[in-house]
Structure formats: C-alpha cells, structure tokens
C-alpha cells in the first residue's frame, strides 16, 4: 500500500532534505555520498518489497535454515557499515578535535543512538498506527529480541569503517608538522 511505503520512507525523506540543505556546508567526499546512496537504495529495495518479503531474504533462508526473512538484518548491518564513514567525515568537519580518534568515537556513539532512536520510533509508530498487529508491523517476525539484534548488527557493521578510519587518519602528533614554540 502507498501509505505503508510512505511510512517506511518518512525518515528517508527527512535524510534527503537534511542532505540537500547541508551539502555545501558539510562538503562530504564522493565516497561518503556514494555510501549514503547505496544505503538508501538497499532500504528502498526493502521498502518496495515489504521487509519480511524481500527476495534476497527469501534466497538466504535455506542458508540460515530459518523461516525468517533476514533482509532487515542486512539493512541494519548496512546502516552501521555504510553510514559510519560519512558520520566520521561530518564530525571531523564540524569539530576541531583530533582527526583520528574523536570523529570515530563520536560517529560510533551517534550510530548507536540513531539505531536506538529508530527502533523506539518504529515501536511508537506501530503502537499509534496499528497496535493490534504489534511486532508484525515493525517486521520483528515473531522475534522478541528483534530491536536488540538490529542495534547489535548496526554496531558490528560500524566497526569496519571505524577501524579503517582510525588506521588511515594521521595521529594528532603527526598532524602538526611545525614545532610548537613556547614563550
């Protein structure tokens, strides 16, 4: 239904508006924008098919020997994997903190906060829109630990770009090539 699709994509629309409004100020790299687009495409595929019925999830059911469609788990892992690098770039740009560690730490906490906020919003919307179907609306597919698993997968996905960020950015000591004169 169109109403379900609009509801699934409300946060996507807000993200696109925010990106459009800030793209000149943030000046993210092409890589960051590509990661954002890939994530949005993965999400759109899920929203198009209804997350519990996405073909990829159906194809991997035999691999995990389960009746559950795990596509939503792939999306939550992708949330961490694909959005953490752009978050690091944003925090590196917005702060004057050491470029190696602090943007990564703040991006990790932001990723975890966004994951938790999404799960709480998803639950709240389900209770407002269709309280009679409960966890079926949020795509839990009968798993009472769905929200916690989704957040854990976002965390695991975030670790990959964080490690790359930390090992590819110069340390604070190598960032200042000129010696400091003390008076």
N, C-alpha and C. Protein backbone atom coordinates (compact mmCIF):
# COMPACT_ATOMS: atom_id res chain seq x y z
N UNK A 1 0.83 -1.18 0.00
CA UNK A 1 0.00 0.00 0.00
C UNK A 1 0.88 1.25 0.00
N UNK A 2 0.36 2.30 -0.58
CA UNK A 2 1.10 3.56 -0.65
C UNK A 2 1.33 4.15 0.73
N UNK A 3 0.37 4.04 1.63
CA UNK A 3 0.52 4.59 2.98
C UNK A 3 1.66 3.88 3.73
N UNK A 4 1.75 2.56 3.57
CA UNK A 4 2.84 1.81 4.21
C UNK A 4 4.19 2.25 3.67
N UNK A 5 4.26 2.41 2.33
CA UNK A 5 5.51 2.82 1.70
C UNK A 5 5.92 4.21 2.19
N UNK A 6 4.97 5.14 2.27
CA UNK A 6 5.27 6.48 2.76
C UNK A 6 5.76 6.44 4.20
N UNK A 7 5.12 5.62 5.02
CA UNK A 7 5.53 5.48 6.41
C UNK A 7 6.93 4.90 6.52
N UNK A 8 7.22 3.88 5.70
CA UNK A 8 8.56 3.26 5.69
C UNK A 8 9.63 4.27 5.31
N UNK A 9 9.26 5.26 4.49
CA UNK A 9 10.24 6.17 3.93
C UNK A 9 10.25 7.56 4.54
N UNK A 10 9.52 7.77 5.59
CA UNK A 10 9.48 9.09 6.21
C UNK A 10 10.88 9.55 6.62
N UNK A 11 11.64 8.68 7.28
CA UNK A 11 13.00 9.05 7.70
C UNK A 11 13.93 9.23 6.50
N UNK A 12 13.70 8.49 5.44
CA UNK A 12 14.50 8.66 4.23
C UNK A 12 14.26 10.05 3.65
N UNK A 13 13.01 10.46 3.59
CA UNK A 13 12.70 11.79 3.08
C UNK A 13 13.36 12.86 3.94
N UNK A 14 13.32 12.69 5.25
CA UNK A 14 13.96 13.65 6.15
C UNK A 14 15.47 13.69 5.94
N UNK A 15 16.09 12.54 5.73
CA UNK A 15 17.53 12.48 5.48
C UNK A 15 17.88 13.19 4.17
N UNK A 16 17.09 12.97 3.14
CA UNK A 16 17.36 13.62 1.85
C UNK A 16 17.21 15.13 1.97
N UNK A 17 16.22 15.60 2.70
CA UNK A 17 16.05 17.03 2.92
C UNK A 17 17.25 17.59 3.69
N UNK A 18 17.67 16.88 4.74
CA UNK A 18 18.83 17.34 5.53
C UNK A 18 20.09 17.35 4.68
N UNK A 19 20.30 16.33 3.86
CA UNK A 19 21.48 16.28 2.99
C UNK A 19 21.44 17.41 1.97
N UNK A 20 20.27 17.66 1.42
CA UNK A 20 20.14 18.74 0.43
C UNK A 20 20.42 20.10 1.04
N UNK A 21 19.98 20.28 2.27
CA UNK A 21 20.15 21.57 2.94
C UNK A 21 21.58 21.82 3.40
N UNK A 22 22.35 20.76 3.61
CA UNK A 22 23.68 20.93 4.21
C UNK A 22 24.83 20.51 3.30
N UNK A 23 24.56 20.13 2.07
CA UNK A 23 25.65 19.56 1.27
C UNK A 23 26.77 20.55 1.01
N UNK A 24 26.49 21.82 0.89
CA UNK A 24 27.57 22.79 0.67
C UNK A 24 28.37 23.03 1.95
N UNK A 25 27.71 23.08 3.08
CA UNK A 25 28.40 23.33 4.34
C UNK A 25 29.26 22.13 4.76
N UNK A 26 28.73 20.93 4.58
CA UNK A 26 29.46 19.75 5.03
C UNK A 26 30.53 19.33 4.04
N UNK A 27 30.29 19.52 2.77
CA UNK A 27 31.26 19.21 1.74
C UNK A 27 31.83 17.80 1.92
N UNK A 28 30.92 16.82 2.02
CA UNK A 28 31.36 15.44 2.17
C UNK A 28 32.04 14.94 0.90
N UNK A 29 32.82 13.91 1.05
CA UNK A 29 33.52 13.33 -0.09
C UNK A 29 32.54 12.55 -0.98
N UNK A 30 32.97 12.30 -2.20
CA UNK A 30 32.17 11.49 -3.11
C UNK A 30 31.93 10.10 -2.53
N UNK A 31 32.93 9.58 -1.83
CA UNK A 31 32.79 8.27 -1.19
C UNK A 31 31.68 8.31 -0.16
N UNK A 32 31.63 9.35 0.65
CA UNK A 32 30.58 9.46 1.66
C UNK A 32 29.20 9.51 1.02
N UNK A 33 29.06 10.32 -0.02
CA UNK A 33 27.76 10.39 -0.69
C UNK A 33 27.40 9.07 -1.35
N UNK A 34 28.37 8.38 -1.90
CA UNK A 34 28.10 7.08 -2.52
C UNK A 34 27.63 6.08 -1.47
N UNK A 35 28.27 6.07 -0.31
CA UNK A 35 27.85 5.17 0.77
C UNK A 35 26.42 5.47 1.20
N UNK A 36 26.08 6.75 1.30
CA UNK A 36 24.71 7.14 1.66
C UNK A 36 23.71 6.67 0.60
N UNK A 37 24.04 6.84 -0.66
CA UNK A 37 23.14 6.43 -1.74
C UNK A 37 22.97 4.91 -1.75
N UNK A 38 24.05 4.17 -1.55
CA UNK A 38 23.95 2.70 -1.51
C UNK A 38 23.04 2.27 -0.36
N UNK A 39 23.20 2.89 0.81
CA UNK A 39 22.34 2.53 1.93
C UNK A 39 20.87 2.84 1.60
N UNK A 40 20.62 4.01 1.05
CA UNK A 40 19.24 4.37 0.72
C UNK A 40 18.65 3.42 -0.32
N UNK A 41 19.47 2.97 -1.27
CA UNK A 41 18.99 2.02 -2.28
C UNK A 41 18.64 0.68 -1.64
N UNK A 42 19.46 0.22 -0.71
CA UNK A 42 19.17 -1.04 -0.01
C UNK A 42 17.86 -0.89 0.77
N UNK A 43 17.72 0.23 1.46
CA UNK A 43 16.49 0.47 2.21
C UNK A 43 15.27 0.52 1.28
N UNK A 44 15.42 1.19 0.14
CA UNK A 44 14.29 1.30 -0.79
C UNK A 44 13.88 -0.06 -1.33
N UNK A 45 14.85 -0.92 -1.56
CA UNK A 45 14.51 -2.27 -2.02
C UNK A 45 13.66 -2.97 -0.96
N UNK A 46 14.06 -2.82 0.31
CA UNK A 46 13.28 -3.41 1.39
C UNK A 46 11.90 -2.80 1.51
N UNK A 47 11.80 -1.49 1.39
CA UNK A 47 10.51 -0.81 1.49
C UNK A 47 9.60 -1.19 0.31
N UNK A 48 10.19 -1.37 -0.84
CA UNK A 48 9.42 -1.73 -2.02
C UNK A 48 8.76 -3.10 -1.87
N UNK A 49 9.50 -4.06 -1.33
CA UNK A 49 9.02 -5.44 -1.23
C UNK A 49 8.34 -5.76 0.09
N UNK A 50 8.37 -4.84 1.04
CA UNK A 50 7.99 -5.10 2.43
C UNK A 50 9.11 -5.97 3.00
N UNK A 51 9.75 -5.48 4.01
CA UNK A 51 10.97 -6.09 4.52
C UNK A 51 10.87 -7.59 4.74
N UNK A 52 9.76 -8.07 5.21
CA UNK A 52 9.62 -9.50 5.50
C UNK A 52 9.51 -10.35 4.24
N UNK A 53 9.40 -9.72 3.06
CA UNK A 53 9.22 -10.47 1.82
C UNK A 53 10.27 -10.18 0.75
N UNK A 54 11.36 -9.54 1.10
CA UNK A 54 12.39 -9.18 0.11
C UNK A 54 12.99 -10.47 -0.48
N UNK A 55 13.11 -10.55 -1.81
CA UNK A 55 13.63 -11.77 -2.43
C UNK A 55 15.00 -12.22 -1.90
N UNK A 56 15.93 -11.30 -1.66
CA UNK A 56 17.24 -11.70 -1.15
C UNK A 56 17.09 -12.44 0.18
N UNK A 57 16.22 -11.95 1.04
CA UNK A 57 15.98 -12.62 2.31
C UNK A 57 15.38 -14.00 2.13
N UNK A 58 14.55 -14.14 1.11
CA UNK A 58 13.97 -15.45 0.81
C UNK A 58 15.06 -16.42 0.32
N UNK A 59 15.98 -15.90 -0.47
CA UNK A 59 17.05 -16.74 -1.01
C UNK A 59 18.00 -17.23 0.08
N UNK A 60 18.19 -16.42 1.14
CA UNK A 60 19.14 -16.83 2.17
C UNK A 60 18.50 -17.63 3.30
N UNK A 61 17.19 -17.82 3.27
CA UNK A 61 16.53 -18.64 4.30
C UNK A 61 17.15 -20.04 4.40
N UNK A 62 17.36 -20.74 3.28
CA UNK A 62 17.96 -22.08 3.39
C UNK A 62 19.38 -22.06 3.97
N UNK A 63 20.12 -20.99 3.71
CA UNK A 63 21.49 -20.91 4.22
C UNK A 63 21.48 -20.88 5.75
N UNK A 64 20.57 -20.07 6.32
CA UNK A 64 20.47 -19.95 7.78
C UNK A 64 19.51 -20.97 8.38
N UNK A 65 18.91 -21.79 7.52
CA UNK A 65 17.95 -22.80 7.94
C UNK A 65 16.90 -22.19 8.87
N UNK A 66 16.21 -21.18 8.35
CA UNK A 66 15.22 -20.46 9.13
C UNK A 66 13.99 -20.15 8.29
N UNK A 67 12.92 -19.88 8.95
CA UNK A 67 11.70 -19.44 8.26
C UNK A 67 11.63 -17.91 8.20
N UNK A 68 12.55 -17.24 8.87
CA UNK A 68 12.56 -15.78 8.95
C UNK A 68 13.32 -15.19 7.77
N UNK A 69 12.78 -14.11 7.21
CA UNK A 69 13.46 -13.36 6.16
C UNK A 69 14.41 -12.39 6.85
N UNK A 70 15.70 -12.56 6.67
CA UNK A 70 16.71 -11.77 7.38
C UNK A 70 17.16 -10.51 6.63
N UNK A 71 16.40 -10.08 5.62
CA UNK A 71 16.82 -8.89 4.89
C UNK A 71 16.92 -7.67 5.80
N UNK A 72 16.01 -7.54 6.76
CA UNK A 72 16.09 -6.38 7.67
C UNK A 72 17.38 -6.41 8.48
N UNK A 73 17.89 -7.58 8.77
CA UNK A 73 19.17 -7.67 9.48
C UNK A 73 20.30 -7.15 8.58
N UNK A 74 20.24 -7.47 7.30
CA UNK A 74 21.23 -6.97 6.35
C UNK A 74 21.20 -5.44 6.31
N UNK A 75 20.00 -4.87 6.34
CA UNK A 75 19.86 -3.41 6.30
C UNK A 75 20.44 -2.78 7.57
N UNK A 76 20.18 -3.38 8.73
CA UNK A 76 20.72 -2.82 9.97
C UNK A 76 22.24 -2.92 10.01
N UNK A 77 22.79 -4.03 9.54
CA UNK A 77 24.24 -4.15 9.42
C UNK A 77 24.77 -3.09 8.46
N UNK A 78 24.08 -2.91 7.34
CA UNK A 78 24.47 -1.90 6.34
C UNK A 78 24.39 -0.50 6.91
N UNK A 79 23.45 -0.25 7.80
CA UNK A 79 23.34 1.06 8.45
C UNK A 79 24.67 1.41 9.11
N UNK A 80 25.20 0.47 9.89
CA UNK A 80 26.50 0.71 10.53
C UNK A 80 27.63 0.77 9.53
N UNK A 81 27.64 -0.18 8.61
CA UNK A 81 28.73 -0.29 7.64
C UNK A 81 28.81 0.92 6.70
N UNK A 82 27.68 1.37 6.22
CA UNK A 82 27.67 2.39 5.17
C UNK A 82 27.51 3.82 5.68
N UNK A 83 26.96 4.01 6.87
CA UNK A 83 26.73 5.38 7.34
C UNK A 83 27.77 5.87 8.34
N UNK A 84 28.59 4.99 8.85
CA UNK A 84 29.58 5.41 9.85
C UNK A 84 30.68 6.27 9.23
N UNK A 85 31.15 5.93 8.06
CA UNK A 85 32.20 6.75 7.41
C UNK A 85 31.70 8.17 7.17
N UNK A 86 30.52 8.37 6.57
CA UNK A 86 30.04 9.75 6.42
C UNK A 86 29.87 10.46 7.77
N UNK A 87 29.45 9.73 8.79
CA UNK A 87 29.34 10.35 10.12
C UNK A 87 30.71 10.80 10.62
N UNK A 88 31.73 9.97 10.42
CA UNK A 88 33.09 10.37 10.80
C UNK A 88 33.49 11.64 10.07
N UNK A 89 33.20 11.70 8.77
CA UNK A 89 33.53 12.89 7.98
C UNK A 89 32.81 14.13 8.52
N UNK A 90 31.54 13.98 8.86
CA UNK A 90 30.77 15.11 9.40
C UNK A 90 31.38 15.59 10.70
N UNK A 91 31.68 14.66 11.61
CA UNK A 91 32.23 15.06 12.91
C UNK A 91 33.65 15.59 12.79
N UNK A 92 34.41 15.09 11.84
CA UNK A 92 35.75 15.64 11.60
C UNK A 92 35.64 17.07 11.08
N UNK A 93 34.64 17.32 10.25
CA UNK A 93 34.45 18.65 9.68
C UNK A 93 33.90 19.64 10.72
N UNK A 94 32.99 19.17 11.56
CA UNK A 94 32.31 20.07 12.49
C UNK A 94 33.09 20.35 13.77
N UNK A 95 34.06 19.51 14.09
CA UNK A 95 34.80 19.69 15.33
C UNK A 95 36.26 20.00 15.04
N UNK A 96 36.92 20.49 16.02
CA UNK A 96 38.36 20.74 15.91
C UNK A 96 39.13 19.72 16.77
N UNK A 97 38.51 18.61 17.00
CA UNK A 97 39.13 17.56 17.80
C UNK A 97 40.14 16.79 16.95
N UNK A 98 40.97 16.00 17.61
CA UNK A 98 41.95 15.18 16.90
C UNK A 98 41.24 14.34 15.84
N UNK A 99 41.71 14.41 14.61
CA UNK A 99 41.02 13.82 13.47
C UNK A 99 41.03 12.30 13.44
N UNK A 100 41.85 11.68 14.25
CA UNK A 100 41.94 10.23 14.19
C UNK A 100 40.91 9.56 15.07
N UNK A 101 40.88 9.87 16.34
CA UNK A 101 40.06 9.13 17.30
C UNK A 101 38.69 9.74 17.55
N UNK A 102 38.63 11.05 17.80
CA UNK A 102 37.37 11.64 18.24
C UNK A 102 36.25 11.54 17.21
N UNK A 103 36.46 11.82 15.95
CA UNK A 103 35.36 11.64 15.00
C UNK A 103 34.86 10.20 14.97
N UNK A 104 35.77 9.25 15.12
CA UNK A 104 35.38 7.84 15.12
C UNK A 104 34.54 7.50 16.35
N UNK A 105 34.96 7.97 17.51
CA UNK A 105 34.23 7.69 18.74
C UNK A 105 32.85 8.34 18.70
N UNK A 106 32.79 9.60 18.29
CA UNK A 106 31.51 10.30 18.22
C UNK A 106 30.61 9.65 17.17
N UNK A 107 31.17 9.24 16.03
CA UNK A 107 30.38 8.56 15.00
C UNK A 107 29.83 7.24 15.51
N UNK A 108 30.62 6.50 16.27
CA UNK A 108 30.14 5.24 16.84
C UNK A 108 28.97 5.50 17.78
N UNK A 109 29.11 6.47 18.68
CA UNK A 109 28.02 6.78 19.60
C UNK A 109 26.79 7.30 18.85
N UNK A 110 27.00 8.11 17.81
CA UNK A 110 25.88 8.61 17.02
C UNK A 110 25.17 7.46 16.31
N UNK A 111 25.96 6.53 15.76
CA UNK A 111 25.38 5.37 15.10
C UNK A 111 24.52 4.57 16.07
N UNK A 112 25.03 4.33 17.27
CA UNK A 112 24.27 3.59 18.27
C UNK A 112 23.01 4.36 18.69
N UNK A 113 23.15 5.67 18.84
CA UNK A 113 22.00 6.49 19.22
C UNK A 113 20.94 6.49 18.13
N UNK A 114 21.36 6.65 16.86
CA UNK A 114 20.40 6.63 15.76
C UNK A 114 19.72 5.27 15.65
N UNK A 115 20.47 4.20 15.87
CA UNK A 115 19.88 2.86 15.83
C UNK A 115 18.81 2.70 16.91
N UNK A 116 19.14 3.12 18.11
CA UNK A 116 18.18 3.02 19.21
C UNK A 116 16.97 3.92 18.97
N UNK A 117 17.22 5.14 18.51
CA UNK A 117 16.12 6.07 18.22
C UNK A 117 15.20 5.50 17.15
N UNK A 118 15.78 4.91 16.11
CA UNK A 118 14.97 4.31 15.05
C UNK A 118 14.08 3.21 15.62
N UNK A 119 14.66 2.33 16.43
CA UNK A 119 13.88 1.23 16.99
C UNK A 119 12.75 1.75 17.88
N UNK A 120 13.02 2.80 18.65
CA UNK A 120 11.97 3.37 19.51
C UNK A 120 10.89 4.05 18.67
N UNK A 121 11.29 4.78 17.63
CA UNK A 121 10.30 5.40 16.75
C UNK A 121 9.46 4.35 16.02
N UNK A 122 10.11 3.30 15.58
CA UNK A 122 9.41 2.22 14.89
C UNK A 122 8.35 1.61 15.81
N UNK A 123 8.72 1.37 17.06
CA UNK A 123 7.77 0.82 18.03
C UNK A 123 6.64 1.80 18.30
N UNK A 124 6.97 3.07 18.50
CA UNK A 124 5.94 4.09 18.78
C UNK A 124 4.96 4.20 17.62
N UNK A 125 5.48 4.23 16.40
CA UNK A 125 4.60 4.31 15.23
C UNK A 125 3.71 3.08 15.15
N UNK A 126 4.28 1.91 15.44
CA UNK A 126 3.46 0.69 15.39
C UNK A 126 2.32 0.75 16.40
N UNK A 127 2.58 1.32 17.54
CA UNK A 127 1.54 1.42 18.57
C UNK A 127 0.48 2.46 18.22
N UNK A 128 0.86 3.48 17.49
CA UNK A 128 -0.09 4.52 17.08
C UNK A 128 -0.90 4.07 15.86
N UNK A 129 -0.21 3.51 14.86
CA UNK A 129 -0.85 3.17 13.60
C UNK A 129 -1.64 1.87 13.67
N UNK A 130 -1.04 0.85 14.23
CA UNK A 130 -1.70 -0.47 14.23
C UNK A 130 -1.34 -1.26 15.49
N UNK A 131 -1.84 -0.85 16.66
CA UNK A 131 -1.46 -1.56 17.89
C UNK A 131 -1.91 -3.02 17.92
N UNK A 132 -2.94 -3.36 17.14
CA UNK A 132 -3.45 -4.74 17.15
C UNK A 132 -2.49 -5.73 16.50
N UNK A 133 -1.60 -5.25 15.61
CA UNK A 133 -0.67 -6.19 14.98
C UNK A 133 0.72 -6.13 15.60
N UNK A 134 0.97 -5.17 16.47
CA UNK A 134 2.19 -5.11 17.28
C UNK A 134 3.48 -5.33 16.53
N UNK A 135 4.21 -6.37 16.93
CA UNK A 135 5.54 -6.60 16.38
C UNK A 135 5.53 -6.99 14.91
N UNK A 136 4.40 -7.44 14.38
CA UNK A 136 4.32 -7.75 12.96
C UNK A 136 4.54 -6.50 12.12
N UNK A 137 4.03 -5.36 12.60
CA UNK A 137 4.18 -4.10 11.88
C UNK A 137 5.65 -3.70 11.77
N UNK A 138 6.41 -3.87 12.84
CA UNK A 138 7.81 -3.44 12.83
C UNK A 138 8.73 -4.47 12.17
N UNK A 139 8.18 -5.55 11.68
CA UNK A 139 9.00 -6.53 10.97
C UNK A 139 9.78 -7.45 11.89
N UNK A 140 9.35 -7.56 13.15
CA UNK A 140 10.06 -8.42 14.09
C UNK A 140 9.93 -9.89 13.72
N UNK A 141 8.91 -10.23 12.96
CA UNK A 141 8.68 -11.59 12.51
C UNK A 141 8.71 -12.59 13.66
N UNK A 142 8.10 -12.19 14.77
CA UNK A 142 7.99 -13.09 15.92
C UNK A 142 9.19 -13.12 16.83
N UNK A 143 10.21 -12.33 16.58
CA UNK A 143 11.41 -12.32 17.41
C UNK A 143 11.30 -11.23 18.48
N UNK A 144 11.17 -11.62 19.76
CA UNK A 144 11.04 -10.60 20.81
C UNK A 144 12.33 -9.79 21.01
N UNK A 145 13.45 -10.27 20.51
CA UNK A 145 14.73 -9.56 20.64
C UNK A 145 15.13 -8.86 19.35
N UNK A 146 14.20 -8.64 18.47
CA UNK A 146 14.48 -8.04 17.17
C UNK A 146 15.20 -6.70 17.28
N UNK A 147 14.70 -5.80 18.10
CA UNK A 147 15.31 -4.46 18.21
C UNK A 147 16.75 -4.55 18.70
N UNK A 148 16.99 -5.38 19.69
CA UNK A 148 18.35 -5.50 20.23
C UNK A 148 19.30 -6.11 19.21
N UNK A 149 18.84 -7.10 18.47
CA UNK A 149 19.68 -7.71 17.43
C UNK A 149 19.97 -6.71 16.31
N UNK A 150 18.95 -5.92 15.94
CA UNK A 150 19.15 -4.91 14.90
C UNK A 150 20.20 -3.89 15.32
N UNK A 151 20.13 -3.43 16.57
CA UNK A 151 21.11 -2.45 17.05
C UNK A 151 22.50 -3.07 17.14
N UNK A 152 22.58 -4.33 17.54
CA UNK A 152 23.88 -5.01 17.61
C UNK A 152 24.49 -5.14 16.22
N UNK A 153 23.68 -5.44 15.23
CA UNK A 153 24.20 -5.56 13.86
C UNK A 153 24.68 -4.22 13.33
N UNK A 154 24.00 -3.14 13.68
CA UNK A 154 24.48 -1.81 13.29
C UNK A 154 25.84 -1.53 13.94
N UNK A 155 25.99 -1.92 15.19
CA UNK A 155 27.28 -1.76 15.88
C UNK A 155 28.37 -2.58 15.19
N UNK A 156 28.09 -3.82 14.88
CA UNK A 156 29.09 -4.67 14.22
C UNK A 156 29.46 -4.10 12.85
N UNK A 157 28.45 -3.65 12.11
CA UNK A 157 28.72 -3.03 10.81
C UNK A 157 29.57 -1.78 10.94
N UNK A 158 29.35 -1.00 12.00
CA UNK A 158 30.10 0.25 12.20
C UNK A 158 31.57 0.00 12.50
N UNK A 159 31.91 -1.14 13.03
CA UNK A 159 33.30 -1.40 13.42
C UNK A 159 34.24 -1.42 12.21
N UNK A 160 33.76 -1.89 11.07
CA UNK A 160 34.62 -1.98 9.88
C UNK A 160 35.09 -0.59 9.44
N UNK A 161 34.18 0.36 9.16
CA UNK A 161 34.68 1.68 8.75
C UNK A 161 35.44 2.40 9.85
N UNK A 162 35.10 2.13 11.11
CA UNK A 162 35.83 2.78 12.20
C UNK A 162 37.28 2.34 12.24
N UNK A 163 37.52 1.07 12.05
CA UNK A 163 38.90 0.57 12.03
C UNK A 163 39.65 1.18 10.85
N UNK A 164 39.01 1.23 9.69
CA UNK A 164 39.65 1.84 8.52
C UNK A 164 39.94 3.31 8.79
N UNK A 165 38.98 4.02 9.37
CA UNK A 165 39.16 5.46 9.68
C UNK A 165 40.36 5.66 10.60
N UNK A 166 40.40 4.89 11.67
CA UNK A 166 41.45 5.07 12.69
C UNK A 166 42.83 4.77 12.10
N UNK A 167 42.94 3.75 11.25
CA UNK A 167 44.25 3.40 10.71
C UNK A 167 44.65 4.19 9.48
N UNK A 168 43.74 4.96 8.89
CA UNK A 168 44.10 5.75 7.72
C UNK A 168 44.26 7.23 8.02
N UNK A 169 43.85 7.66 9.19
CA UNK A 169 43.97 9.08 9.55
C UNK A 169 45.27 9.29 10.31
N UNK A 170 45.90 10.43 10.12
CA UNK A 170 47.14 10.70 10.85
C UNK A 170 46.86 10.89 12.34
N UNK A 171 47.82 10.53 13.14
CA UNK A 171 47.68 10.74 14.58
C UNK A 171 47.82 12.22 14.89
N UNK A 172 47.42 12.62 16.08
CA UNK A 172 47.47 14.03 16.48
C UNK A 172 48.91 14.55 16.44
N UNK A 173 49.87 13.71 16.80
CA UNK A 173 51.26 14.16 16.83
C UNK A 173 51.82 14.38 15.43
N UNK A 174 51.36 13.61 14.45
CA UNK A 174 51.87 13.78 13.09
C UNK A 174 51.11 14.86 12.33
N UNK A 175 49.99 15.34 12.87
CA UNK A 175 49.22 16.38 12.19
C UNK A 175 49.90 17.73 12.25
N UNK A 176 50.64 17.99 13.30
CA UNK A 176 51.33 19.27 13.39
C UNK A 176 52.79 19.08 12.98
N UNK A 177 53.12 19.54 11.79
CA UNK A 177 54.46 19.34 11.27
C UNK A 177 55.42 20.43 11.71
N UNK A 178 54.86 21.51 12.24
CA UNK A 178 55.74 22.59 12.71
C UNK A 178 55.87 22.49 14.22
N UNK A 179 57.09 22.69 14.73
CA UNK A 179 57.27 22.61 16.19
C UNK A 179 56.57 23.75 16.89
N UNK A 180 56.09 23.46 18.09
CA UNK A 180 55.41 24.47 18.89
C UNK A 180 56.46 25.25 19.68
N UNK A 181 56.41 26.55 19.58
CA UNK A 181 57.31 27.41 20.36
C UNK A 181 56.62 27.79 21.65
N UNK A 182 57.31 27.61 22.72
CA UNK A 182 56.74 28.04 23.99
C UNK A 182 57.38 29.36 24.40
N UNK A 183 56.58 30.21 24.98
CA UNK A 183 57.07 31.55 25.37
C UNK A 183 57.43 31.56 26.82
